[in-house]
């Protein structure tokens, strides 16, 4: 299990800068969805769509981001919804133990959505595969999640919330880079 926190964040920032306004638009869409009563139902599939967009960019670095692919997450709606729900429940249970428990559980499940999108796994298989891989270096991946959370929280806090539009992609892109480095990208685009 490889953990390259600084490298992933630096590479993510370079990727975000290439299509900066598209990432800002996607962050705006997520903010709008979270503000609705239906946000909890479609946030998982939307996250899978964003993961798909990032993976497409990694496969073809010269192509611009295409926001139309955000809908690809709805191709795996049930798995995305259930996985996102279970991750939230498990992280909340970890929070009952202590904040550290929530961070560790979130870290252990970090690869779930990329596995659903890139490998076409069902939600439970993706959760188990993420857990099995991340537990090999649970401390390192937990520090990665903590650093991402602190960095993105600080960006938003210091900009009175406006930094959310940078913090949101900066929280998501490094996770996909971590997935790439630990699982590799699937040879075939299963979402096509």
N, C-alpha and C. Protein backbone atom coordinates (compact mmCIF):
# COMPACT_ATOMS: atom_id res chain seq x y z
N UNK A 1 0.85 -1.18 0.00
CA UNK A 1 0.00 0.00 0.00
C UNK A 1 0.89 1.24 0.00
N UNK A 2 0.82 1.98 -1.07
CA UNK A 2 1.63 3.18 -1.25
C UNK A 2 0.87 4.42 -0.75
N UNK A 3 1.56 5.26 0.00
CA UNK A 3 0.99 6.54 0.42
C UNK A 3 1.99 7.63 0.07
N UNK A 4 1.55 8.56 -0.78
CA UNK A 4 2.40 9.67 -1.23
C UNK A 4 1.61 10.97 -1.10
N UNK A 5 1.30 11.34 0.11
CA UNK A 5 0.41 12.47 0.39
C UNK A 5 0.83 13.74 -0.35
N UNK A 6 2.05 14.17 -0.15
CA UNK A 6 2.52 15.41 -0.78
C UNK A 6 2.49 15.34 -2.29
N UNK A 7 2.94 14.23 -2.85
CA UNK A 7 2.95 14.07 -4.31
C UNK A 7 1.54 14.07 -4.88
N UNK A 8 0.63 13.38 -4.21
CA UNK A 8 -0.76 13.33 -4.70
C UNK A 8 -1.40 14.71 -4.67
N UNK A 9 -1.18 15.45 -3.61
CA UNK A 9 -1.77 16.79 -3.51
C UNK A 9 -1.16 17.71 -4.57
N UNK A 10 0.15 17.64 -4.76
CA UNK A 10 0.80 18.48 -5.77
C UNK A 10 0.32 18.13 -7.18
N UNK A 11 0.25 16.83 -7.49
CA UNK A 11 -0.24 16.41 -8.81
C UNK A 11 -1.70 16.80 -9.00
N UNK A 12 -2.49 16.66 -7.94
CA UNK A 12 -3.90 17.04 -8.01
C UNK A 12 -4.04 18.52 -8.33
N UNK A 13 -3.23 19.35 -7.69
CA UNK A 13 -3.30 20.79 -7.94
C UNK A 13 -2.96 21.11 -9.39
N UNK A 14 -1.96 20.43 -9.94
CA UNK A 14 -1.61 20.63 -11.36
C UNK A 14 -2.77 20.22 -12.27
N UNK A 15 -3.41 19.11 -11.96
CA UNK A 15 -4.57 18.67 -12.76
C UNK A 15 -5.74 19.65 -12.64
N UNK A 16 -5.98 20.13 -11.44
CA UNK A 16 -7.09 21.07 -11.22
C UNK A 16 -6.83 22.37 -11.98
N UNK A 17 -5.60 22.85 -11.97
CA UNK A 17 -5.29 24.11 -12.66
C UNK A 17 -5.54 24.00 -14.17
N UNK A 18 -5.36 22.83 -14.75
CA UNK A 18 -5.57 22.65 -16.18
C UNK A 18 -7.02 22.93 -16.59
N UNK A 19 -7.96 22.56 -15.76
CA UNK A 19 -9.39 22.73 -16.05
C UNK A 19 -10.06 23.41 -14.86
N UNK A 20 -9.43 24.47 -14.38
CA UNK A 20 -9.85 25.09 -13.13
C UNK A 20 -11.34 25.43 -13.09
N UNK A 21 -11.85 26.10 -14.11
CA UNK A 21 -13.23 26.57 -14.07
C UNK A 21 -14.24 25.43 -14.15
N UNK A 22 -13.86 24.33 -14.79
CA UNK A 22 -14.74 23.16 -14.82
C UNK A 22 -14.84 22.54 -13.42
N UNK A 23 -13.72 22.49 -12.71
CA UNK A 23 -13.73 21.97 -11.34
C UNK A 23 -14.56 22.88 -10.44
N UNK A 24 -14.44 24.19 -10.65
CA UNK A 24 -15.25 25.14 -9.86
C UNK A 24 -16.73 24.93 -10.15
N UNK A 25 -17.08 24.74 -11.42
CA UNK A 25 -18.48 24.49 -11.79
C UNK A 25 -19.00 23.20 -11.15
N UNK A 26 -18.18 22.17 -11.17
CA UNK A 26 -18.58 20.90 -10.55
C UNK A 26 -18.77 21.09 -9.04
N UNK A 27 -17.87 21.82 -8.39
CA UNK A 27 -18.02 22.11 -6.96
C UNK A 27 -19.30 22.89 -6.69
N UNK A 28 -19.64 23.81 -7.58
CA UNK A 28 -20.88 24.57 -7.45
C UNK A 28 -22.10 23.65 -7.56
N UNK A 29 -22.05 22.71 -8.47
CA UNK A 29 -23.15 21.75 -8.62
C UNK A 29 -23.30 20.94 -7.33
N UNK A 30 -22.18 20.48 -6.77
CA UNK A 30 -22.25 19.71 -5.52
C UNK A 30 -22.80 20.56 -4.38
N UNK A 31 -22.41 21.82 -4.32
CA UNK A 31 -22.93 22.71 -3.27
C UNK A 31 -24.44 22.88 -3.42
N UNK A 32 -24.89 23.04 -4.66
CA UNK A 32 -26.32 23.21 -4.91
C UNK A 32 -27.09 21.94 -4.54
N UNK A 33 -26.55 20.79 -4.91
CA UNK A 33 -27.22 19.52 -4.61
C UNK A 33 -27.28 19.29 -3.11
N UNK A 34 -26.18 19.59 -2.41
CA UNK A 34 -26.17 19.42 -0.95
C UNK A 34 -27.18 20.34 -0.26
N UNK A 35 -27.53 21.42 -0.91
CA UNK A 35 -28.49 22.36 -0.34
C UNK A 35 -29.94 21.95 -0.53
N UNK A 36 -30.16 20.89 -1.27
CA UNK A 36 -31.53 20.42 -1.51
C UNK A 36 -31.86 19.27 -0.57
N UNK A 37 -33.12 18.98 -0.48
CA UNK A 37 -33.56 17.84 0.33
C UNK A 37 -33.20 16.50 -0.30
N UNK A 38 -32.94 16.49 -1.58
CA UNK A 38 -32.60 15.25 -2.27
C UNK A 38 -31.11 14.98 -2.32
N UNK A 39 -30.33 15.88 -1.77
CA UNK A 39 -28.88 15.76 -1.84
C UNK A 39 -28.36 14.42 -1.36
N UNK A 40 -28.90 13.91 -0.26
CA UNK A 40 -28.39 12.66 0.30
C UNK A 40 -28.67 11.47 -0.62
N UNK A 41 -29.65 11.58 -1.50
CA UNK A 41 -29.98 10.47 -2.40
C UNK A 41 -29.05 10.44 -3.60
N UNK A 42 -28.70 11.60 -4.13
CA UNK A 42 -27.92 11.62 -5.38
C UNK A 42 -26.45 11.99 -5.21
N UNK A 43 -26.02 12.29 -3.99
CA UNK A 43 -24.63 12.70 -3.81
C UNK A 43 -23.66 11.55 -4.12
N UNK A 44 -24.01 10.33 -3.74
CA UNK A 44 -23.16 9.17 -4.05
C UNK A 44 -22.97 8.98 -5.54
N UNK A 45 -24.06 8.92 -6.32
CA UNK A 45 -23.90 8.81 -7.77
C UNK A 45 -23.17 10.00 -8.38
N UNK A 46 -23.41 11.21 -7.88
CA UNK A 46 -22.67 12.37 -8.39
C UNK A 46 -21.18 12.25 -8.09
N UNK A 47 -20.85 11.76 -6.89
CA UNK A 47 -19.44 11.56 -6.55
C UNK A 47 -18.81 10.54 -7.50
N UNK A 48 -19.55 9.48 -7.81
CA UNK A 48 -19.04 8.49 -8.77
C UNK A 48 -18.85 9.12 -10.14
N UNK A 49 -19.75 10.01 -10.53
CA UNK A 49 -19.60 10.71 -11.80
C UNK A 49 -18.35 11.58 -11.81
N UNK A 50 -18.07 12.25 -10.71
CA UNK A 50 -16.87 13.08 -10.61
C UNK A 50 -15.61 12.21 -10.64
N UNK A 51 -15.66 11.08 -9.95
CA UNK A 51 -14.54 10.14 -10.00
C UNK A 51 -14.31 9.68 -11.44
N UNK A 52 -15.40 9.40 -12.15
CA UNK A 52 -15.29 8.97 -13.55
C UNK A 52 -14.61 10.06 -14.40
N UNK A 53 -15.01 11.31 -14.17
CA UNK A 53 -14.42 12.43 -14.92
C UNK A 53 -12.91 12.52 -14.65
N UNK A 54 -12.53 12.36 -13.40
CA UNK A 54 -11.11 12.43 -13.05
C UNK A 54 -10.34 11.26 -13.69
N UNK A 55 -10.92 10.07 -13.64
CA UNK A 55 -10.27 8.91 -14.24
C UNK A 55 -10.13 9.10 -15.75
N UNK A 56 -11.15 9.65 -16.40
CA UNK A 56 -11.05 9.94 -17.84
C UNK A 56 -9.90 10.89 -18.12
N UNK A 57 -9.74 11.88 -17.25
CA UNK A 57 -8.64 12.85 -17.41
C UNK A 57 -7.29 12.15 -17.25
N UNK A 58 -7.19 11.23 -16.32
CA UNK A 58 -5.94 10.50 -16.12
C UNK A 58 -5.63 9.60 -17.31
N UNK A 59 -6.67 9.06 -17.92
CA UNK A 59 -6.47 8.20 -19.09
C UNK A 59 -6.10 9.01 -20.33
N UNK A 60 -6.63 10.22 -20.42
CA UNK A 60 -6.37 11.08 -21.57
C UNK A 60 -6.08 12.50 -21.09
N UNK A 61 -4.85 12.75 -20.66
CA UNK A 61 -4.49 14.03 -20.03
C UNK A 61 -4.70 15.26 -20.91
N UNK A 62 -4.71 15.11 -22.22
CA UNK A 62 -4.86 16.28 -23.08
C UNK A 62 -6.31 16.67 -23.31
N UNK A 63 -7.23 15.78 -23.00
CA UNK A 63 -8.65 16.07 -23.19
C UNK A 63 -9.16 16.98 -22.07
N UNK A 64 -10.01 17.94 -22.41
CA UNK A 64 -10.58 18.80 -21.36
C UNK A 64 -11.62 18.01 -20.55
N UNK A 65 -11.88 18.48 -19.34
CA UNK A 65 -12.93 17.86 -18.54
C UNK A 65 -14.27 18.08 -19.22
N UNK A 66 -15.09 17.06 -19.22
CA UNK A 66 -16.42 17.15 -19.83
C UNK A 66 -17.45 16.93 -18.73
N UNK A 67 -18.14 18.00 -18.37
CA UNK A 67 -19.12 17.94 -17.27
C UNK A 67 -20.27 16.99 -17.57
N UNK A 68 -20.50 16.70 -18.84
CA UNK A 68 -21.58 15.78 -19.21
C UNK A 68 -21.38 14.39 -18.61
N UNK A 69 -20.13 14.03 -18.34
CA UNK A 69 -19.85 12.71 -17.78
C UNK A 69 -20.17 12.63 -16.29
N UNK A 70 -20.56 13.72 -15.68
CA UNK A 70 -21.00 13.69 -14.29
C UNK A 70 -22.18 12.74 -14.13
N UNK A 71 -22.97 12.60 -15.19
CA UNK A 71 -24.14 11.71 -15.15
C UNK A 71 -23.75 10.24 -15.17
N UNK A 72 -22.49 9.90 -15.47
CA UNK A 72 -22.06 8.50 -15.49
C UNK A 72 -22.24 7.83 -14.14
N UNK A 73 -22.22 8.60 -13.08
CA UNK A 73 -22.43 8.03 -11.76
C UNK A 73 -23.81 7.42 -11.59
N UNK A 74 -24.76 7.90 -12.39
CA UNK A 74 -26.12 7.36 -12.29
C UNK A 74 -26.23 6.00 -12.98
N UNK A 75 -25.21 5.62 -13.76
CA UNK A 75 -25.18 4.28 -14.34
C UNK A 75 -24.96 3.23 -13.26
N UNK A 76 -24.39 3.65 -12.14
CA UNK A 76 -24.15 2.75 -11.01
C UNK A 76 -24.90 3.29 -9.78
N UNK A 77 -26.10 3.80 -10.01
CA UNK A 77 -26.86 4.52 -8.98
C UNK A 77 -26.98 3.73 -7.68
N UNK A 78 -27.49 2.50 -7.76
CA UNK A 78 -27.75 1.75 -6.54
C UNK A 78 -26.47 1.47 -5.76
N UNK A 79 -25.44 1.00 -6.45
CA UNK A 79 -24.17 0.73 -5.77
C UNK A 79 -23.57 2.01 -5.20
N UNK A 80 -23.64 3.11 -5.95
CA UNK A 80 -23.09 4.38 -5.49
C UNK A 80 -23.87 4.90 -4.27
N UNK A 81 -25.18 4.82 -4.33
CA UNK A 81 -26.01 5.30 -3.22
C UNK A 81 -25.75 4.49 -1.96
N UNK A 82 -25.80 3.15 -2.08
CA UNK A 82 -25.61 2.29 -0.91
C UNK A 82 -24.20 2.43 -0.36
N UNK A 83 -23.20 2.47 -1.24
CA UNK A 83 -21.81 2.61 -0.77
C UNK A 83 -21.63 3.92 -0.02
N UNK A 84 -22.13 5.01 -0.58
CA UNK A 84 -21.98 6.32 0.07
C UNK A 84 -22.71 6.34 1.42
N UNK A 85 -23.88 5.73 1.45
CA UNK A 85 -24.65 5.64 2.69
C UNK A 85 -23.89 4.82 3.74
N UNK A 86 -23.38 3.66 3.34
CA UNK A 86 -22.65 2.80 4.29
C UNK A 86 -21.36 3.46 4.76
N UNK A 87 -20.65 4.13 3.87
CA UNK A 87 -19.44 4.85 4.28
C UNK A 87 -19.79 5.89 5.35
N UNK A 88 -20.89 6.61 5.13
CA UNK A 88 -21.33 7.60 6.11
C UNK A 88 -21.71 6.97 7.44
N UNK A 89 -22.40 5.85 7.38
CA UNK A 89 -22.80 5.15 8.61
C UNK A 89 -21.56 4.64 9.35
N UNK A 90 -20.65 3.98 8.62
CA UNK A 90 -19.45 3.43 9.26
C UNK A 90 -18.59 4.55 9.84
N UNK A 91 -18.44 5.66 9.12
CA UNK A 91 -17.66 6.78 9.63
C UNK A 91 -18.32 7.38 10.87
N UNK A 92 -19.65 7.42 10.88
CA UNK A 92 -20.38 7.93 12.05
C UNK A 92 -20.18 7.01 13.25
N UNK A 93 -20.19 5.70 13.00
CA UNK A 93 -19.92 4.75 14.09
C UNK A 93 -18.50 4.94 14.62
N UNK A 94 -17.56 5.18 13.70
CA UNK A 94 -16.19 5.47 14.11
C UNK A 94 -16.11 6.74 14.94
N UNK A 95 -16.95 7.72 14.59
CA UNK A 95 -16.98 8.99 15.31
C UNK A 95 -17.47 8.79 16.74
N UNK A 96 -18.36 7.80 16.94
CA UNK A 96 -18.83 7.52 18.29
C UNK A 96 -17.69 7.07 19.19
N UNK A 97 -16.73 6.36 18.60
CA UNK A 97 -15.56 5.93 19.37
C UNK A 97 -14.70 7.15 19.67
N UNK A 98 -14.36 7.88 18.62
CA UNK A 98 -13.63 9.14 18.74
C UNK A 98 -13.42 9.67 17.33
N UNK A 99 -12.96 10.89 17.24
CA UNK A 99 -12.73 11.49 15.92
C UNK A 99 -11.71 10.66 15.13
N UNK A 100 -10.73 10.14 15.81
CA UNK A 100 -9.71 9.32 15.16
C UNK A 100 -10.35 8.09 14.51
N UNK A 101 -11.32 7.50 15.17
CA UNK A 101 -12.02 6.34 14.62
C UNK A 101 -12.70 6.66 13.32
N UNK A 102 -13.30 7.82 13.22
CA UNK A 102 -13.97 8.25 11.99
C UNK A 102 -12.96 8.44 10.87
N UNK A 103 -11.81 9.02 11.20
CA UNK A 103 -10.76 9.24 10.19
C UNK A 103 -10.24 7.90 9.68
N UNK A 104 -10.00 6.96 10.58
CA UNK A 104 -9.47 5.66 10.19
C UNK A 104 -10.47 4.91 9.32
N UNK A 105 -11.74 4.90 9.72
CA UNK A 105 -12.76 4.21 8.92
C UNK A 105 -12.89 4.86 7.55
N UNK A 106 -12.92 6.18 7.50
CA UNK A 106 -12.99 6.87 6.21
C UNK A 106 -11.79 6.50 5.34
N UNK A 107 -10.62 6.42 5.95
CA UNK A 107 -9.41 6.06 5.21
C UNK A 107 -9.49 4.63 4.67
N UNK A 108 -10.00 3.72 5.48
CA UNK A 108 -10.09 2.33 5.05
C UNK A 108 -11.08 2.14 3.90
N UNK A 109 -12.04 3.04 3.78
CA UNK A 109 -13.06 2.93 2.73
C UNK A 109 -12.83 3.92 1.59
N UNK A 110 -11.67 4.53 1.54
CA UNK A 110 -11.38 5.62 0.61
C UNK A 110 -11.47 5.23 -0.86
N UNK A 111 -11.21 3.98 -1.18
CA UNK A 111 -11.17 3.54 -2.57
C UNK A 111 -12.51 2.97 -3.06
N UNK A 112 -13.53 2.98 -2.23
CA UNK A 112 -14.80 2.35 -2.57
C UNK A 112 -15.42 2.91 -3.84
N UNK A 113 -15.60 4.21 -3.92
CA UNK A 113 -16.27 4.79 -5.10
C UNK A 113 -15.44 4.62 -6.37
N UNK A 114 -14.11 4.85 -6.33
CA UNK A 114 -13.34 4.57 -7.55
C UNK A 114 -13.43 3.11 -8.01
N UNK A 115 -13.49 2.18 -7.07
CA UNK A 115 -13.62 0.77 -7.45
C UNK A 115 -14.96 0.49 -8.12
N UNK A 116 -16.01 1.13 -7.65
CA UNK A 116 -17.33 0.97 -8.27
C UNK A 116 -17.31 1.50 -9.69
N UNK A 117 -16.74 2.68 -9.87
CA UNK A 117 -16.73 3.33 -11.18
C UNK A 117 -15.75 2.68 -12.15
N UNK A 118 -14.53 2.45 -11.69
CA UNK A 118 -13.47 2.00 -12.59
C UNK A 118 -13.47 0.48 -12.81
N UNK A 119 -13.85 -0.27 -11.81
CA UNK A 119 -13.81 -1.74 -11.91
C UNK A 119 -15.19 -2.36 -12.05
N UNK A 120 -16.23 -1.55 -11.92
CA UNK A 120 -17.59 -2.07 -12.03
C UNK A 120 -17.98 -2.99 -10.88
N UNK A 121 -17.36 -2.81 -9.74
CA UNK A 121 -17.66 -3.65 -8.57
C UNK A 121 -18.99 -3.24 -7.95
N UNK A 122 -19.64 -4.19 -7.31
CA UNK A 122 -20.80 -3.89 -6.49
C UNK A 122 -20.34 -3.19 -5.22
N UNK A 123 -21.28 -2.58 -4.51
CA UNK A 123 -20.90 -1.76 -3.36
C UNK A 123 -20.16 -2.56 -2.29
N UNK A 124 -20.62 -3.78 -1.99
CA UNK A 124 -19.99 -4.52 -0.90
C UNK A 124 -18.60 -5.02 -1.30
N UNK A 125 -18.47 -5.50 -2.53
CA UNK A 125 -17.15 -5.93 -3.01
C UNK A 125 -16.17 -4.76 -3.01
N UNK A 126 -16.64 -3.58 -3.40
CA UNK A 126 -15.78 -2.39 -3.41
C UNK A 126 -15.37 -1.99 -2.00
N UNK A 127 -16.31 -2.05 -1.06
CA UNK A 127 -15.99 -1.74 0.34
C UNK A 127 -14.93 -2.71 0.86
N UNK A 128 -15.12 -4.00 0.58
CA UNK A 128 -14.17 -5.02 1.07
C UNK A 128 -12.80 -4.86 0.42
N UNK A 129 -12.77 -4.59 -0.89
CA UNK A 129 -11.49 -4.41 -1.58
C UNK A 129 -10.75 -3.18 -1.07
N UNK A 130 -11.48 -2.10 -0.83
CA UNK A 130 -10.87 -0.89 -0.29
C UNK A 130 -10.30 -1.17 1.10
N UNK A 131 -11.09 -1.81 1.92
CA UNK A 131 -10.68 -2.14 3.29
C UNK A 131 -9.41 -3.00 3.27
N UNK A 132 -9.44 -4.04 2.43
CA UNK A 132 -8.29 -4.96 2.38
C UNK A 132 -7.01 -4.26 1.94
N UNK A 133 -7.10 -3.38 0.96
CA UNK A 133 -5.91 -2.68 0.46
C UNK A 133 -5.45 -1.63 1.48
N UNK A 134 -6.37 -0.81 1.97
CA UNK A 134 -6.01 0.30 2.85
C UNK A 134 -5.51 -0.17 4.22
N UNK A 135 -5.98 -1.33 4.68
CA UNK A 135 -5.53 -1.80 6.00
C UNK A 135 -4.05 -2.17 5.99
N UNK A 136 -3.47 -2.37 4.80
CA UNK A 136 -2.04 -2.69 4.70
C UNK A 136 -1.16 -1.53 5.17
N UNK A 137 -1.69 -0.31 5.09
CA UNK A 137 -0.99 0.88 5.62
C UNK A 137 -2.06 1.83 6.17
N UNK A 138 -2.84 1.33 7.11
CA UNK A 138 -3.96 2.10 7.64
C UNK A 138 -3.51 3.40 8.28
N UNK A 139 -2.34 3.40 8.90
CA UNK A 139 -1.86 4.62 9.54
C UNK A 139 -1.51 5.68 8.49
N UNK A 140 -0.79 5.28 7.45
CA UNK A 140 -0.39 6.22 6.40
C UNK A 140 -1.58 6.79 5.66
N UNK A 141 -2.54 5.93 5.30
CA UNK A 141 -3.71 6.41 4.56
C UNK A 141 -4.61 7.25 5.48
N UNK A 142 -4.61 6.96 6.77
CA UNK A 142 -5.37 7.80 7.71
C UNK A 142 -4.75 9.18 7.82
N UNK A 143 -3.42 9.25 7.83
CA UNK A 143 -2.75 10.56 7.83
C UNK A 143 -3.06 11.32 6.55
N UNK A 144 -3.10 10.62 5.43
CA UNK A 144 -3.46 11.23 4.15
C UNK A 144 -4.86 11.86 4.24
N UNK A 145 -5.82 11.12 4.76
CA UNK A 145 -7.19 11.63 4.91
C UNK A 145 -7.21 12.83 5.86
N UNK A 146 -6.47 12.74 6.94
CA UNK A 146 -6.41 13.84 7.90
C UNK A 146 -5.80 15.10 7.27
N UNK A 147 -4.69 14.94 6.56
CA UNK A 147 -4.04 16.09 5.91
C UNK A 147 -4.97 16.71 4.88
N UNK A 148 -5.63 15.87 4.06
CA UNK A 148 -6.58 16.40 3.08
C UNK A 148 -7.70 17.19 3.76
N UNK A 149 -8.25 16.61 4.81
CA UNK A 149 -9.33 17.28 5.53
C UNK A 149 -8.90 18.60 6.14
N UNK A 150 -7.74 18.61 6.77
CA UNK A 150 -7.23 19.85 7.38
C UNK A 150 -6.91 20.90 6.33
N UNK A 151 -6.27 20.47 5.24
CA UNK A 151 -5.91 21.41 4.17
C UNK A 151 -7.16 22.03 3.56
N UNK A 152 -8.12 21.20 3.23
CA UNK A 152 -9.34 21.71 2.58
C UNK A 152 -10.18 22.55 3.55
N UNK A 153 -10.22 22.13 4.80
CA UNK A 153 -10.93 22.91 5.80
C UNK A 153 -10.29 24.27 6.01
N UNK A 154 -8.97 24.30 6.04
CA UNK A 154 -8.23 25.55 6.21
C UNK A 154 -8.44 26.48 5.01
N UNK A 155 -8.41 25.92 3.81
CA UNK A 155 -8.64 26.73 2.61
C UNK A 155 -10.02 27.39 2.68
N UNK A 156 -11.03 26.61 3.05
CA UNK A 156 -12.40 27.16 3.14
C UNK A 156 -12.51 28.18 4.27
N UNK A 157 -11.92 27.88 5.40
CA UNK A 157 -12.00 28.76 6.56
C UNK A 157 -11.33 30.11 6.30
N UNK A 158 -10.14 30.07 5.73
CA UNK A 158 -9.38 31.30 5.51
C UNK A 158 -9.98 32.19 4.42
N UNK A 159 -10.86 31.63 3.62
CA UNK A 159 -11.48 32.41 2.54
C UNK A 159 -12.97 32.63 2.79
N UNK A 160 -13.38 32.46 4.03
CA UNK A 160 -14.79 32.65 4.41
C UNK A 160 -15.74 31.81 3.55
N UNK A 161 -15.33 30.61 3.26
CA UNK A 161 -16.18 29.69 2.51
C UNK A 161 -15.97 29.69 1.01
N UNK A 162 -15.43 30.76 0.45
CA UNK A 162 -15.24 30.82 -1.00
C UNK A 162 -14.20 29.81 -1.48
N UNK A 163 -13.29 29.44 -0.61
CA UNK A 163 -12.27 28.46 -0.96
C UNK A 163 -12.83 27.07 -1.17
N UNK A 164 -14.09 26.87 -0.83
CA UNK A 164 -14.75 25.58 -1.05
C UNK A 164 -14.60 25.15 -2.51
N UNK A 165 -14.66 26.10 -3.40
CA UNK A 165 -14.63 25.79 -4.83
C UNK A 165 -13.25 25.29 -5.29
N UNK A 166 -12.24 25.53 -4.48
CA UNK A 166 -10.92 24.96 -4.71
C UNK A 166 -10.74 23.72 -3.81
N UNK A 167 -11.23 23.82 -2.58
CA UNK A 167 -11.06 22.73 -1.62
C UNK A 167 -11.79 21.46 -2.05
N UNK A 168 -12.97 21.61 -2.64
CA UNK A 168 -13.73 20.41 -3.03
C UNK A 168 -12.96 19.56 -4.03
N UNK A 169 -12.50 20.12 -5.16
CA UNK A 169 -11.73 19.25 -6.06
C UNK A 169 -10.40 18.82 -5.45
N UNK A 170 -9.82 19.66 -4.60
CA UNK A 170 -8.55 19.30 -3.98
C UNK A 170 -8.72 18.17 -2.96
N UNK A 171 -9.93 17.94 -2.52
CA UNK A 171 -10.21 16.82 -1.63
C UNK A 171 -10.50 15.54 -2.43
N UNK A 172 -10.98 15.68 -3.66
CA UNK A 172 -11.40 14.51 -4.44
C UNK A 172 -10.31 13.98 -5.37
N UNK A 173 -9.63 14.86 -6.07
CA UNK A 173 -8.65 14.44 -7.07
C UNK A 173 -7.52 13.61 -6.45
N UNK A 174 -6.96 14.00 -5.29
CA UNK A 174 -5.90 13.16 -4.70
C UNK A 174 -6.35 11.74 -4.35
N UNK A 175 -7.61 11.59 -4.02
CA UNK A 175 -8.14 10.25 -3.71
C UNK A 175 -8.09 9.37 -4.95
N UNK A 176 -8.45 9.94 -6.10
CA UNK A 176 -8.39 9.17 -7.35
C UNK A 176 -6.94 8.87 -7.71
N UNK A 177 -6.04 9.80 -7.44
CA UNK A 177 -4.62 9.55 -7.69
C UNK A 177 -4.10 8.44 -6.78
N UNK A 178 -4.54 8.43 -5.54
CA UNK A 178 -4.16 7.35 -4.61
C UNK A 178 -4.70 6.02 -5.11
N UNK A 179 -5.94 6.03 -5.60
CA UNK A 179 -6.52 4.81 -6.19
C UNK A 179 -5.67 4.32 -7.36
N UNK A 180 -5.33 5.24 -8.26
CA UNK A 180 -4.52 4.89 -9.43
C UNK A 180 -3.20 4.24 -9.02
N UNK A 181 -2.54 4.82 -8.03
CA UNK A 181 -1.23 4.32 -7.62
C UNK A 181 -1.30 3.01 -6.84
N UNK A 182 -2.45 2.71 -6.26
CA UNK A 182 -2.56 1.49 -5.46
C UNK A 182 -3.30 0.35 -6.15
N UNK A 183 -4.18 0.67 -7.07
CA UNK A 183 -4.92 -0.36 -7.79
C UNK A 183 -4.59 -0.37 -9.28
N UNK A 184 -4.11 0.76 -9.79
CA UNK A 184 -3.96 0.91 -11.23
C UNK A 184 -5.32 1.18 -11.84
N UNK A 185 -5.35 1.82 -12.99
CA UNK A 185 -6.62 2.06 -13.66
C UNK A 185 -6.99 0.81 -14.45
N UNK A 186 -8.27 0.52 -14.51
CA UNK A 186 -8.74 -0.65 -15.26
C UNK A 186 -8.32 -0.50 -16.72
N UNK A 187 -8.00 -1.60 -17.35
CA UNK A 187 -7.59 -1.59 -18.77
C UNK A 187 -8.71 -1.11 -19.67
N UNK A 188 -9.94 -1.45 -19.31
CA UNK A 188 -11.11 -1.11 -20.12
C UNK A 188 -12.00 -0.19 -19.30
N UNK A 189 -12.54 0.81 -19.96
CA UNK A 189 -13.47 1.74 -19.32
C UNK A 189 -14.82 1.04 -19.19
N UNK A 190 -15.10 0.49 -17.99
CA UNK A 190 -16.32 -0.29 -17.79
C UNK A 190 -17.57 0.58 -17.80
N UNK A 191 -17.42 1.88 -17.62
CA UNK A 191 -18.59 2.77 -17.57
C UNK A 191 -19.07 3.19 -18.95
N UNK A 192 -18.32 2.86 -19.99
CA UNK A 192 -18.73 3.29 -21.35
C UNK A 192 -19.92 2.50 -21.84
